[in-house]
Amino acid sequence: MAVGDLNNDGTADVVIGHMSGAKIFYDYDGWVMEDLGAVLNTPRTILLNDVNQDGDTDILIRDSQDLILFQSHQGQLGIQNCAPLLPLTTHSK
């Protein structure tokens, strides 16, 4: 879960990741949900940041297999799979 102002209205919005997908809850004098349309594989971390420095807050979600970027462009979020993650390995002595 991450909290930040995604639509530049001065109020905090909430991003939640679940295996059934990622969702944004906007605070418009009552909560409105937007489904981001991405199926996640065990979501672990959600970050809100202006990744491409265009003035809009973007969403980065790291799940057990991928790093997924939702970039805001003129009020619409687009999805991009940034990089498949290498599996974690255990080294024994």
Protein backbone atom coordinates (compact mmCIF):
# COMPACT_ATOMS: atom_id res chain seq x y z
CA MET A 1 0.00 0.00 0.00
CA ALA A 2 1.15 3.53 -0.75
CA VAL A 3 -0.42 6.93 -0.07
CA GLY A 4 0.10 10.10 -2.12
CA ASP A 5 -1.62 12.70 -4.27
CA LEU A 6 -1.96 11.00 -7.67
CA ASN A 7 -4.35 13.45 -9.32
CA ASN A 8 -2.86 16.73 -8.03
CA ASP A 9 -6.01 17.77 -6.16
CA GLY A 10 -4.24 18.28 -2.83
CA THR A 11 -5.73 15.22 -1.11
CA ALA A 12 -4.11 11.87 -0.41
CA ASP A 13 -5.03 8.92 -2.60
CA VAL A 14 -4.32 5.26 -1.80
CA VAL A 15 -2.79 2.55 -4.01
CA ILE A 16 -3.31 -1.06 -2.96
CA GLY A 17 -1.70 -4.07 -4.58
CA HIS A 18 -3.20 -7.54 -4.34
CA MET A 19 -2.83 -10.71 -6.37
CA SER A 20 -6.20 -9.89 -7.96
CA GLY A 21 -4.78 -6.58 -9.18
CA ALA A 22 -3.72 -3.07 -8.27
CA LYS A 23 -6.31 -0.46 -7.35
CA ILE A 24 -6.28 3.27 -6.70
CA PHE A 25 -8.72 4.85 -4.27
CA TYR A 26 -9.16 8.57 -4.99
CA ASP A 27 -10.55 10.87 -2.31
CA TYR A 28 -13.23 12.97 -4.06
CA ASP A 29 -15.35 13.89 -1.00
CA GLY A 30 -15.89 10.13 -0.84
CA TRP A 31 -13.72 7.30 -2.15
CA VAL A 32 -13.73 6.34 -5.84
CA MET A 33 -11.88 3.20 -6.97
CA GLU A 34 -9.96 2.70 -10.22
CA ASP A 35 -8.71 -0.76 -11.17
CA LEU A 36 -5.29 -0.53 -12.83
CA GLY A 37 -5.87 -3.72 -14.80
CA ALA A 38 -2.68 -5.52 -13.81
CA VAL A 39 -2.56 -8.98 -12.30
CA LEU A 40 0.21 -9.09 -9.72
CA ASN A 41 2.21 -12.04 -8.53
CA THR A 42 2.59 -11.54 -4.77
CA PRO A 43 2.98 -7.73 -4.63
CA ARG A 44 5.69 -6.65 -2.21
CA THR A 45 6.37 -2.93 -2.56
CA ILE A 46 4.50 0.06 -3.98
CA LEU A 47 6.24 3.39 -4.50
CA LEU A 48 4.77 6.70 -5.66
CA ASN A 49 7.23 9.02 -7.36
CA ASP A 50 7.62 11.17 -10.46
CA VAL A 51 9.84 8.64 -12.25
CA ASN A 52 10.17 10.49 -15.57
CA GLN A 53 10.13 13.97 -13.99
CA ASP A 54 7.14 15.21 -15.99
CA GLY A 55 5.35 16.63 -12.95
CA ASP A 56 2.90 13.70 -12.59
CA THR A 57 3.14 11.06 -9.87
CA ASP A 58 3.86 7.59 -11.24
CA ILE A 59 3.32 4.23 -9.52
CA LEU A 60 6.01 1.55 -9.25
CA ILE A 61 4.99 -1.89 -8.04
CA ARG A 62 7.47 -4.62 -7.29
CA ASP A 63 5.98 -8.08 -7.10
CA SER A 64 7.74 -11.43 -6.79
CA GLN A 65 8.56 -11.53 -10.52
CA ASP A 66 8.45 -8.06 -12.07
CA LEU A 67 8.89 -4.35 -11.60
CA ILE A 68 5.81 -2.67 -13.07
CA LEU A 69 5.54 1.04 -13.85
CA PHE A 70 2.24 2.87 -14.19
CA GLN A 71 3.05 6.23 -15.77
CA SER A 72 0.64 9.10 -15.67
CA HIS A 73 0.22 10.90 -18.98
CA GLN A 74 -2.42 13.62 -19.31
CA GLY A 75 -4.52 12.09 -16.54
CA GLN A 76 -4.35 8.52 -17.88
CA LEU A 77 -2.20 5.77 -16.38
CA GLY A 78 -0.33 3.50 -18.79
CA ILE A 79 1.33 0.25 -17.75
CA GLN A 80 4.86 -0.85 -18.54
CA ASN A 81 6.73 -3.92 -17.34
CA CYS A 82 10.14 -2.45 -16.50
CA ALA A 83 12.17 -5.55 -15.85
CA PRO A 84 11.67 -9.17 -15.01
CA LEU A 85 13.41 -9.81 -11.72
CA LEU A 86 15.96 -12.52 -11.34
CA PRO A 87 14.96 -15.19 -8.86
CA LEU A 88 16.50 -14.93 -5.43
CA THR A 89 19.08 -17.60 -4.87
CA THR A 90 20.63 -18.96 -1.71
CA HIS A 91 24.35 -19.48 -1.65
CA SER A 92 25.67 -22.20 0.60
CA LYS A 93 29.22 -22.52 1.88
